[in-house]
Amino acid sequence: PSPNFGDRRGRAVDALVLHYTGMASG
């Protein structure tokens, strides 16, 4: 669990976004 989150705003979830971490290690 991460403490870094908040409440969603507006309509329901309708997208998925992919990222790389961009750091030396996981």
mmCIF file of all heavy atoms, coordinates in Angstrom:
data_MODEL
# 
_entry.id   MODEL 
# 
loop_
_atom_site.group_PDB 
_atom_site.id 
_atom_site.type_symbol 
_atom_site.label_atom_id 
_atom_site.label_alt_id 
_atom_site.label_comp_id 
_atom_site.label_asym_id 
_atom_site.label_entity_id 
_atom_site.label_seq_id 
_atom_site.pdbx_PDB_ins_code 
_atom_site.Cartn_x 
_atom_site.Cartn_y 
_atom_site.Cartn_z 
_atom_site.occupancy 
_atom_site.B_iso_or_equiv 
_atom_site.pdbx_formal_charge 
_atom_site.auth_seq_id 
_atom_site.auth_comp_id 
_atom_site.auth_asym_id 
_atom_site.auth_atom_id 
_atom_site.pdbx_PDB_model_num 
ATOM 1   N N   . PRO A 1 1  ? 0.807   -1.218 0.000   1.00 0.00 ? 1  PRO A N   1 
ATOM 2   C CA  . PRO A 1 1  ? 0.000   0.000  0.000   1.00 0.00 ? 1  PRO A CA  1 
ATOM 3   C C   . PRO A 1 1  ? 0.846   1.277  0.000   1.00 0.00 ? 1  PRO A C   1 
ATOM 4   O O   . PRO A 1 1  ? 1.755   1.450  0.799   1.00 0.00 ? 1  PRO A O   1 
ATOM 5   C CB  . PRO A 1 1  ? -0.819  -0.112 1.285   1.00 0.00 ? 1  PRO A CB  1 
ATOM 6   C CG  . PRO A 1 1  ? -0.857  -1.575 1.580   1.00 0.00 ? 1  PRO A CG  1 
ATOM 7   C CD  . PRO A 1 1  ? 0.475   -2.106 1.125   1.00 0.00 ? 1  PRO A CD  1 
ATOM 8   N N   . SER A 1 2  ? 0.536   2.165  -0.926  1.00 0.00 ? 2  SER A N   1 
ATOM 9   C CA  . SER A 1 2  ? 1.190   3.477  -1.008  1.00 0.00 ? 2  SER A CA  1 
ATOM 10  C C   . SER A 1 2  ? 0.288   4.525  -0.369  1.00 0.00 ? 2  SER A C   1 
ATOM 11  O O   . SER A 1 2  ? -0.940  4.476  -0.526  1.00 0.00 ? 2  SER A O   1 
ATOM 12  C CB  . SER A 1 2  ? 1.443   3.850  -2.466  1.00 0.00 ? 2  SER A CB  1 
ATOM 13  O OG  . SER A 1 2  ? 1.908   5.178  -2.575  1.00 0.00 ? 2  SER A OG  1 
ATOM 14  N N   . PRO A 1 3  ? 0.874   5.493  0.320   1.00 0.00 ? 3  PRO A N   1 
ATOM 15  C CA  . PRO A 1 3  ? 0.069   6.596  0.874   1.00 0.00 ? 3  PRO A CA  1 
ATOM 16  C C   . PRO A 1 3  ? -0.274  7.657  -0.160  1.00 0.00 ? 3  PRO A C   1 
ATOM 17  O O   . PRO A 1 3  ? -1.007  8.604  0.143   1.00 0.00 ? 3  PRO A O   1 
ATOM 18  C CB  . PRO A 1 3  ? 0.989   7.167  1.952   1.00 0.00 ? 3  PRO A CB  1 
ATOM 19  C CG  . PRO A 1 3  ? 2.364   6.947  1.407   1.00 0.00 ? 3  PRO A CG  1 
ATOM 20  C CD  . PRO A 1 3  ? 2.298   5.613  0.690   1.00 0.00 ? 3  PRO A CD  1 
ATOM 21  N N   . ASN A 1 4  ? 0.256   7.493  -1.366  1.00 0.00 ? 4  ASN A N   1 
ATOM 22  C CA  . ASN A 1 4  ? 0.136   8.548  -2.376  1.00 0.00 ? 4  ASN A CA  1 
ATOM 23  C C   . ASN A 1 4  ? -1.087  8.316  -3.260  1.00 0.00 ? 4  ASN A C   1 
ATOM 24  O O   . ASN A 1 4  ? -1.004  7.747  -4.353  1.00 0.00 ? 4  ASN A O   1 
ATOM 25  C CB  . ASN A 1 4  ? 1.401   8.600  -3.226  1.00 0.00 ? 4  ASN A CB  1 
ATOM 26  C CG  . ASN A 1 4  ? 2.630   8.872  -2.389  1.00 0.00 ? 4  ASN A CG  1 
ATOM 27  O OD1 . ASN A 1 4  ? 2.547   9.488  -1.332  1.00 0.00 ? 4  ASN A OD1 1 
ATOM 28  N ND2 . ASN A 1 4  ? 3.786   8.404  -2.836  1.00 0.00 ? 4  ASN A ND2 1 
ATOM 29  N N   . PHE A 1 5  ? -2.239  8.771  -2.800  1.00 0.00 ? 5  PHE A N   1 
ATOM 30  C CA  . PHE A 1 5  ? -3.464  8.642  -3.564  1.00 0.00 ? 5  PHE A CA  1 
ATOM 31  C C   . PHE A 1 5  ? -4.480  9.638  -3.025  1.00 0.00 ? 5  PHE A C   1 
ATOM 32  O O   . PHE A 1 5  ? -4.254  10.292 -1.999  1.00 0.00 ? 5  PHE A O   1 
ATOM 33  C CB  . PHE A 1 5  ? -4.026  7.213  -3.483  1.00 0.00 ? 5  PHE A CB  1 
ATOM 34  C CG  . PHE A 1 5  ? -4.546  6.838  -2.119  1.00 0.00 ? 5  PHE A CG  1 
ATOM 35  C CD1 . PHE A 1 5  ? -5.878  7.033  -1.799  1.00 0.00 ? 5  PHE A CD1 1 
ATOM 36  C CD2 . PHE A 1 5  ? -3.698  6.308  -1.163  1.00 0.00 ? 5  PHE A CD2 1 
ATOM 37  C CE1 . PHE A 1 5  ? -6.357  6.704  -0.538  1.00 0.00 ? 5  PHE A CE1 1 
ATOM 38  C CE2 . PHE A 1 5  ? -4.162  5.971  0.098   1.00 0.00 ? 5  PHE A CE2 1 
ATOM 39  C CZ  . PHE A 1 5  ? -5.501  6.177  0.414   1.00 0.00 ? 5  PHE A CZ  1 
ATOM 40  N N   . GLY A 1 6  ? -5.592  9.750  -3.731  1.00 0.00 ? 6  GLY A N   1 
ATOM 41  C CA  . GLY A 1 6  ? -6.674  10.631 -3.294  1.00 0.00 ? 6  GLY A CA  1 
ATOM 42  C C   . GLY A 1 6  ? -7.990  10.115 -3.829  1.00 0.00 ? 6  GLY A C   1 
ATOM 43  O O   . GLY A 1 6  ? -8.088  8.988  -4.323  1.00 0.00 ? 6  GLY A O   1 
ATOM 44  N N   . ASP A 1 7  ? -9.008  10.958 -3.768  1.00 0.00 ? 7  ASP A N   1 
ATOM 45  C CA  . ASP A 1 7  ? -10.329 10.581 -4.266  1.00 0.00 ? 7  ASP A CA  1 
ATOM 46  C C   . ASP A 1 7  ? -10.425 10.853 -5.761  1.00 0.00 ? 7  ASP A C   1 
ATOM 47  O O   . ASP A 1 7  ? -9.938  11.877 -6.258  1.00 0.00 ? 7  ASP A O   1 
ATOM 48  C CB  . ASP A 1 7  ? -11.415 11.393 -3.545  1.00 0.00 ? 7  ASP A CB  1 
ATOM 49  C CG  . ASP A 1 7  ? -11.490 11.076 -2.061  1.00 0.00 ? 7  ASP A CG  1 
ATOM 50  O OD1 . ASP A 1 7  ? -11.170 9.924  -1.692  1.00 0.00 ? 7  ASP A OD1 1 
ATOM 51  O OD2 . ASP A 1 7  ? -11.857 11.975 -1.281  1.00 0.00 ? 7  ASP A OD2 1 
ATOM 52  N N   . ARG A 1 8  ? -11.070 9.942  -6.464  1.00 0.00 ? 8  ARG A N   1 
ATOM 53  C CA  . ARG A 1 8  ? -11.322 10.181 -7.879  1.00 0.00 ? 8  ARG A CA  1 
ATOM 54  C C   . ARG A 1 8  ? -12.340 11.307 -8.030  1.00 0.00 ? 8  ARG A C   1 
ATOM 55  O O   . ARG A 1 8  ? -13.181 11.535 -7.175  1.00 0.00 ? 8  ARG A O   1 
ATOM 56  C CB  . ARG A 1 8  ? -11.833 8.908  -8.554  1.00 0.00 ? 8  ARG A CB  1 
ATOM 57  C CG  . ARG A 1 8  ? -10.762 7.817  -8.676  1.00 0.00 ? 8  ARG A CG  1 
ATOM 58  C CD  . ARG A 1 8  ? -11.228 6.716  -9.609  1.00 0.00 ? 8  ARG A CD  1 
ATOM 59  N NE  . ARG A 1 8  ? -10.266 5.633  -9.739  1.00 0.00 ? 8  ARG A NE  1 
ATOM 60  C CZ  . ARG A 1 8  ? -9.249  5.617  -10.580 1.00 0.00 ? 8  ARG A CZ  1 
ATOM 61  N NH1 . ARG A 1 8  ? -9.041  6.665  -11.380 1.00 0.00 ? 8  ARG A NH1 1 
ATOM 62  N NH2 . ARG A 1 8  ? -8.429  4.593  -10.648 1.00 0.00 ? 8  ARG A NH2 1 
ATOM 63  N N   . ARG A 1 9  ? -12.252 11.985 -9.185  1.00 0.00 ? 9  ARG A N   1 
ATOM 64  C CA  . ARG A 1 9  ? -13.140 13.113 -9.456  1.00 0.00 ? 9  ARG A CA  1 
ATOM 65  C C   . ARG A 1 9  ? -13.859 12.864 -10.780 1.00 0.00 ? 9  ARG A C   1 
ATOM 66  O O   . ARG A 1 9  ? -13.240 12.474 -11.750 1.00 0.00 ? 9  ARG A O   1 
ATOM 67  C CB  . ARG A 1 9  ? -12.338 14.410 -9.561  1.00 0.00 ? 9  ARG A CB  1 
ATOM 68  C CG  . ARG A 1 9  ? -11.367 14.653 -8.402  1.00 0.00 ? 9  ARG A CG  1 
ATOM 69  C CD  . ARG A 1 9  ? -10.300 15.669 -8.784  1.00 0.00 ? 9  ARG A CD  1 
ATOM 70  N NE  . ARG A 1 9  ? -9.297  15.823 -7.738  1.00 0.00 ? 9  ARG A NE  1 
ATOM 71  C CZ  . ARG A 1 9  ? -8.100  16.383 -7.917  1.00 0.00 ? 9  ARG A CZ  1 
ATOM 72  N NH1 . ARG A 1 9  ? -7.763  16.830 -9.117  1.00 0.00 ? 9  ARG A NH1 1 
ATOM 73  N NH2 . ARG A 1 9  ? -7.240  16.479 -6.918  1.00 0.00 ? 9  ARG A NH2 1 
ATOM 74  N N   . GLY A 1 10 ? -15.138 13.104 -10.782 1.00 0.00 ? 10 GLY A N   1 
ATOM 75  C CA  . GLY A 1 10 ? -15.865 13.006 -12.046 1.00 0.00 ? 10 GLY A CA  1 
ATOM 76  C C   . GLY A 1 10 ? -16.350 11.611 -12.347 1.00 0.00 ? 10 GLY A C   1 
ATOM 77  O O   . GLY A 1 10 ? -16.704 10.842 -11.458 1.00 0.00 ? 10 GLY A O   1 
ATOM 78  N N   . ARG A 1 11 ? -16.301 11.249 -13.642 1.00 0.00 ? 11 ARG A N   1 
ATOM 79  C CA  . ARG A 1 11 ? -16.933 10.019 -14.105 1.00 0.00 ? 11 ARG A CA  1 
ATOM 80  C C   . ARG A 1 11 ? -16.116 8.781  -13.751 1.00 0.00 ? 11 ARG A C   1 
ATOM 81  O O   . ARG A 1 11 ? -15.023 8.861  -13.194 1.00 0.00 ? 11 ARG A O   1 
ATOM 82  C CB  . ARG A 1 11 ? -17.143 10.082 -15.611 1.00 0.00 ? 11 ARG A CB  1 
ATOM 83  C CG  . ARG A 1 11 ? -15.873 10.071 -16.424 1.00 0.00 ? 11 ARG A CG  1 
ATOM 84  C CD  . ARG A 1 11 ? -16.178 10.040 -17.917 1.00 0.00 ? 11 ARG A CD  1 
ATOM 85  N NE  . ARG A 1 11 ? -14.973 9.803  -18.700 1.00 0.00 ? 11 ARG A NE  1 
ATOM 86  C CZ  . ARG A 1 11 ? -14.143 10.753 -19.076 1.00 0.00 ? 11 ARG A CZ  1 
ATOM 87  N NH1 . ARG A 1 11 ? -14.367 12.003 -18.737 1.00 0.00 ? 11 ARG A NH1 1 
ATOM 88  N NH2 . ARG A 1 11 ? -13.069 10.467 -19.790 1.00 0.00 ? 11 ARG A NH2 1 
ATOM 89  N N   . ALA A 1 12 ? -16.670 7.624  -14.096 1.00 0.00 ? 12 ALA A N   1 
ATOM 90  C CA  . ALA A 1 12 ? -16.038 6.350  -13.769 1.00 0.00 ? 12 ALA A CA  1 
ATOM 91  C C   . ALA A 1 12 ? -14.753 6.146  -14.584 1.00 0.00 ? 12 ALA A C   1 
ATOM 92  O O   . ALA A 1 12 ? -14.532 6.784  -15.629 1.00 0.00 ? 12 ALA A O   1 
ATOM 93  C CB  . ALA A 1 12 ? -17.004 5.203  -14.044 1.00 0.00 ? 12 ALA A CB  1 
ATOM 94  N N   . VAL A 1 13 ? -13.929 5.230  -14.120 1.00 0.00 ? 13 VAL A N   1 
ATOM 95  C CA  . VAL A 1 13 ? -12.688 4.878  -14.810 1.00 0.00 ? 13 VAL A CA  1 
ATOM 96  C C   . VAL A 1 13 ? -12.997 4.364  -16.219 1.00 0.00 ? 13 VAL A C   1 
ATOM 97  O O   . VAL A 1 13 ? -13.862 3.499  -16.409 1.00 0.00 ? 13 VAL A O   1 
ATOM 98  C CB  . VAL A 1 13 ? -11.938 3.791  -14.018 1.00 0.00 ? 13 VAL A CB  1 
ATOM 99  C CG1 . VAL A 1 13 ? -10.795 3.211  -14.838 1.00 0.00 ? 13 VAL A CG1 1 
ATOM 100 C CG2 . VAL A 1 13 ? -11.420 4.356  -12.699 1.00 0.00 ? 13 VAL A CG2 1 
ATOM 101 N N   . ASP A 1 14 ? -12.287 4.896  -17.196 1.00 0.00 ? 14 ASP A N   1 
ATOM 102 C CA  . ASP A 1 14 ? -12.489 4.428  -18.571 1.00 0.00 ? 14 ASP A CA  1 
ATOM 103 C C   . ASP A 1 14 ? -11.187 4.399  -19.373 1.00 0.00 ? 14 ASP A C   1 
ATOM 104 O O   . ASP A 1 14 ? -11.211 4.369  -20.600 1.00 0.00 ? 14 ASP A O   1 
ATOM 105 C CB  . ASP A 1 14 ? -13.540 5.278  -19.289 1.00 0.00 ? 14 ASP A CB  1 
ATOM 106 C CG  . ASP A 1 14 ? -13.086 6.719  -19.553 1.00 0.00 ? 14 ASP A CG  1 
ATOM 107 O OD1 . ASP A 1 14 ? -11.957 7.078  -19.149 1.00 0.00 ? 14 ASP A OD1 1 
ATOM 108 O OD2 . ASP A 1 14 ? -13.859 7.480  -20.164 1.00 0.00 ? 14 ASP A OD2 1 
ATOM 109 N N   . ALA A 1 15 ? -10.030 4.421  -18.695 1.00 0.00 ? 15 ALA A N   1 
ATOM 110 C CA  . ALA A 1 15 ? -8.745  4.411  -19.401 1.00 0.00 ? 15 ALA A CA  1 
ATOM 111 C C   . ALA A 1 15 ? -7.712  3.622  -18.604 1.00 0.00 ? 15 ALA A C   1 
ATOM 112 O O   . ALA A 1 15 ? -7.830  3.473  -17.385 1.00 0.00 ? 15 ALA A O   1 
ATOM 113 C CB  . ALA A 1 15 ? -8.252  5.835  -19.630 1.00 0.00 ? 15 ALA A CB  1 
ATOM 114 N N   . LEU A 1 16 ? -6.720  3.131  -19.314 1.00 0.00 ? 16 LEU A N   1 
ATOM 115 C CA  . LEU A 1 16 ? -5.585  2.428  -18.723 1.00 0.00 ? 16 LEU A CA  1 
ATOM 116 C C   . LEU A 1 16 ? -4.317  3.062  -19.267 1.00 0.00 ? 16 LEU A C   1 
ATOM 117 O O   . LEU A 1 16 ? -4.191  3.256  -20.482 1.00 0.00 ? 16 LEU A O   1 
ATOM 118 C CB  . LEU A 1 16 ? -5.632  0.940  -19.099 1.00 0.00 ? 16 LEU A CB  1 
ATOM 119 C CG  . LEU A 1 16 ? -4.475  0.057  -18.620 1.00 0.00 ? 16 LEU A CG  1 
ATOM 120 C CD1 . LEU A 1 16 ? -4.466  -0.035 -17.103 1.00 0.00 ? 16 LEU A CD1 1 
ATOM 121 C CD2 . LEU A 1 16 ? -4.577  -1.333 -19.241 1.00 0.00 ? 16 LEU A CD2 1 
ATOM 122 N N   . VAL A 1 17 ? -3.389  3.418  -18.379 1.00 0.00 ? 17 VAL A N   1 
ATOM 123 C CA  . VAL A 1 17 ? -2.154  4.091  -18.791 1.00 0.00 ? 17 VAL A CA  1 
ATOM 124 C C   . VAL A 1 17 ? -0.952  3.260  -18.349 1.00 0.00 ? 17 VAL A C   1 
ATOM 125 O O   . VAL A 1 17 ? -0.851  2.874  -17.182 1.00 0.00 ? 17 VAL A O   1 
ATOM 126 C CB  . VAL A 1 17 ? -2.059  5.511  -18.194 1.00 0.00 ? 17 VAL A CB  1 
ATOM 127 C CG1 . VAL A 1 17 ? -0.772  6.192  -18.651 1.00 0.00 ? 17 VAL A CG1 1 
ATOM 128 C CG2 . VAL A 1 17 ? -3.264  6.348  -18.601 1.00 0.00 ? 17 VAL A CG2 1 
ATOM 129 N N   . LEU A 1 18 ? -0.053  2.992  -19.297 1.00 0.00 ? 18 LEU A N   1 
ATOM 130 C CA  . LEU A 1 18 ? 1.146   2.198  -19.036 1.00 0.00 ? 18 LEU A CA  1 
ATOM 131 C C   . LEU A 1 18 ? 2.379   3.098  -18.954 1.00 0.00 ? 18 LEU A C   1 
ATOM 132 O O   . LEU A 1 18 ? 2.525   4.048  -19.735 1.00 0.00 ? 18 LEU A O   1 
ATOM 133 C CB  . LEU A 1 18 ? 1.350   1.154  -20.140 1.00 0.00 ? 18 LEU A CB  1 
ATOM 134 C CG  . LEU A 1 18 ? 0.193   0.191  -20.397 1.00 0.00 ? 18 LEU A CG  1 
ATOM 135 C CD1 . LEU A 1 18 ? 0.613   -0.855 -21.419 1.00 0.00 ? 18 LEU A CD1 1 
ATOM 136 C CD2 . LEU A 1 18 ? -0.272  -0.479 -19.111 1.00 0.00 ? 18 LEU A CD2 1 
ATOM 137 N N   . HIS A 1 19 ? 3.258   2.754  -18.014 1.00 0.00 ? 19 HIS A N   1 
ATOM 138 C CA  . HIS A 1 19 ? 4.478   3.523  -17.753 1.00 0.00 ? 19 HIS A CA  1 
ATOM 139 C C   . HIS A 1 19 ? 5.663   2.574  -17.585 1.00 0.00 ? 19 HIS A C   1 
ATOM 140 O O   . HIS A 1 19 ? 5.481   1.400  -17.260 1.00 0.00 ? 19 HIS A O   1 
ATOM 141 C CB  . HIS A 1 19 ? 4.381   4.288  -16.422 1.00 0.00 ? 19 HIS A CB  1 
ATOM 142 C CG  . HIS A 1 19 ? 3.138   5.086  -16.225 1.00 0.00 ? 19 HIS A CG  1 
ATOM 143 N ND1 . HIS A 1 19 ? 3.117   6.458  -16.336 1.00 0.00 ? 19 HIS A ND1 1 
ATOM 144 C CD2 . HIS A 1 19 ? 1.880   4.720  -15.873 1.00 0.00 ? 19 HIS A CD2 1 
ATOM 145 C CE1 . HIS A 1 19 ? 1.897   6.899  -16.076 1.00 0.00 ? 19 HIS A CE1 1 
ATOM 146 N NE2 . HIS A 1 19 ? 1.125   5.868  -15.791 1.00 0.00 ? 19 HIS A NE2 1 
ATOM 147 N N   . TYR A 1 20 ? 6.882   3.101  -17.769 1.00 0.00 ? 20 TYR A N   1 
ATOM 148 C CA  . TYR A 1 20 ? 8.034   2.418  -17.195 1.00 0.00 ? 20 TYR A CA  1 
ATOM 149 C C   . TYR A 1 20 ? 8.499   3.202  -15.979 1.00 0.00 ? 20 TYR A C   1 
ATOM 150 O O   . TYR A 1 20 ? 8.228   4.407  -15.850 1.00 0.00 ? 20 TYR A O   1 
ATOM 151 C CB  . TYR A 1 20 ? 9.159   2.195  -18.195 1.00 0.00 ? 20 TYR A CB  1 
ATOM 152 C CG  . TYR A 1 20 ? 9.823   3.403  -18.842 1.00 0.00 ? 20 TYR A CG  1 
ATOM 153 C CD1 . TYR A 1 20 ? 10.210  4.538  -18.121 1.00 0.00 ? 20 TYR A CD1 1 
ATOM 154 C CD2 . TYR A 1 20 ? 10.123  3.386  -20.203 1.00 0.00 ? 20 TYR A CD2 1 
ATOM 155 C CE1 . TYR A 1 20 ? 10.852  5.608  -18.718 1.00 0.00 ? 20 TYR A CE1 1 
ATOM 156 C CE2 . TYR A 1 20 ? 10.761  4.462  -20.817 1.00 0.00 ? 20 TYR A CE2 1 
ATOM 157 C CZ  . TYR A 1 20 ? 11.116  5.563  -20.062 1.00 0.00 ? 20 TYR A CZ  1 
ATOM 158 O OH  . TYR A 1 20 ? 11.757  6.621  -20.658 1.00 0.00 ? 20 TYR A OH  1 
ATOM 159 N N   . THR A 1 21 ? 9.217   2.514  -15.077 1.00 0.00 ? 21 THR A N   1 
ATOM 160 C CA  . THR A 1 21 ? 9.652   3.174  -13.846 1.00 0.00 ? 21 THR A CA  1 
ATOM 161 C C   . THR A 1 21 ? 10.795  4.147  -14.102 1.00 0.00 ? 21 THR A C   1 
ATOM 162 O O   . THR A 1 21 ? 10.928  5.157  -13.405 1.00 0.00 ? 21 THR A O   1 
ATOM 163 C CB  . THR A 1 21 ? 10.091  2.138  -12.806 1.00 0.00 ? 21 THR A CB  1 
ATOM 164 O OG1 . THR A 1 21 ? 11.062  1.261  -13.387 1.00 0.00 ? 21 THR A OG1 1 
ATOM 165 C CG2 . THR A 1 21 ? 8.889   1.332  -12.308 1.00 0.00 ? 21 THR A CG2 1 
ATOM 166 N N   . GLY A 1 22 ? 11.661  3.850  -15.072 1.00 0.00 ? 22 GLY A N   1 
ATOM 167 C CA  . GLY A 1 22 ? 12.745  4.763  -15.425 1.00 0.00 ? 22 GLY A CA  1 
ATOM 168 C C   . GLY A 1 22 ? 13.789  4.932  -14.341 1.00 0.00 ? 22 GLY A C   1 
ATOM 169 O O   . GLY A 1 22 ? 14.429  5.979  -14.254 1.00 0.00 ? 22 GLY A O   1 
ATOM 170 N N   . MET A 1 23 ? 13.974  3.898  -13.513 1.00 0.00 ? 23 MET A N   1 
ATOM 171 C CA  . MET A 1 23 ? 14.967  3.963  -12.442 1.00 0.00 ? 23 MET A CA  1 
ATOM 172 C C   . MET A 1 23 ? 15.897  2.764  -12.538 1.00 0.00 ? 23 MET A C   1 
ATOM 173 O O   . MET A 1 23 ? 15.623  1.796  -13.256 1.00 0.00 ? 23 MET A O   1 
ATOM 174 C CB  . MET A 1 23 ? 14.272  4.033  -11.081 1.00 0.00 ? 23 MET A CB  1 
ATOM 175 C CG  . MET A 1 23 ? 13.411  5.282  -10.919 1.00 0.00 ? 23 MET A CG  1 
ATOM 176 S SD  . MET A 1 23 ? 12.647  5.452  -9.283  1.00 0.00 ? 23 MET A SD  1 
ATOM 177 C CE  . MET A 1 23 ? 14.104  5.835  -8.274  1.00 0.00 ? 23 MET A CE  1 
ATOM 178 N N   . ALA A 1 24 ? 17.000  2.821  -11.818 1.00 0.00 ? 24 ALA A N   1 
ATOM 179 C CA  . ALA A 1 24 ? 18.045  1.810  -11.959 1.00 0.00 ? 24 ALA A CA  1 
ATOM 180 C C   . ALA A 1 24 ? 17.600  0.432  -11.503 1.00 0.00 ? 24 ALA A C   1 
ATOM 181 O O   . ALA A 1 24 ? 18.114  -0.582 -11.973 1.00 0.00 ? 24 ALA A O   1 
ATOM 182 C CB  . ALA A 1 24 ? 19.291  2.237  -11.188 1.00 0.00 ? 24 ALA A CB  1 
ATOM 183 N N   . SER A 1 25 ? 16.655  0.358  -10.575 1.00 0.00 ? 25 SER A N   1 
ATOM 184 C CA  . SER A 1 25 ? 16.197  -0.940 -10.077 1.00 0.00 ? 25 SER A CA  1 
ATOM 185 C C   . SER A 1 25 ? 14.733  -0.864 -9.695  1.00 0.00 ? 25 SER A C   1 
ATOM 186 O O   . SER A 1 25 ? 14.186  0.210  -9.418  1.00 0.00 ? 25 SER A O   1 
ATOM 187 C CB  . SER A 1 25 ? 17.014  -1.377 -8.861  1.00 0.00 ? 25 SER A CB  1 
ATOM 188 O OG  . SER A 1 25 ? 16.691  -0.583 -7.722  1.00 0.00 ? 25 SER A OG  1 
ATOM 189 N N   . GLY A 1 26 ? 14.113  -2.038 -9.675  1.00 0.00 ? 26 GLY A N   1 
ATOM 190 C CA  . GLY A 1 26 ? 12.729  -2.102 -9.240  1.00 0.00 ? 26 GLY A CA  1 
ATOM 191 C C   . GLY A 1 26 ? 12.581  -1.730 -7.779  1.00 0.00 ? 26 GLY A C   1 
ATOM 192 O O   . GLY A 1 26 ? 11.588  -1.108 -7.378  1.00 0.00 ? 26 GLY A O   1 
# 
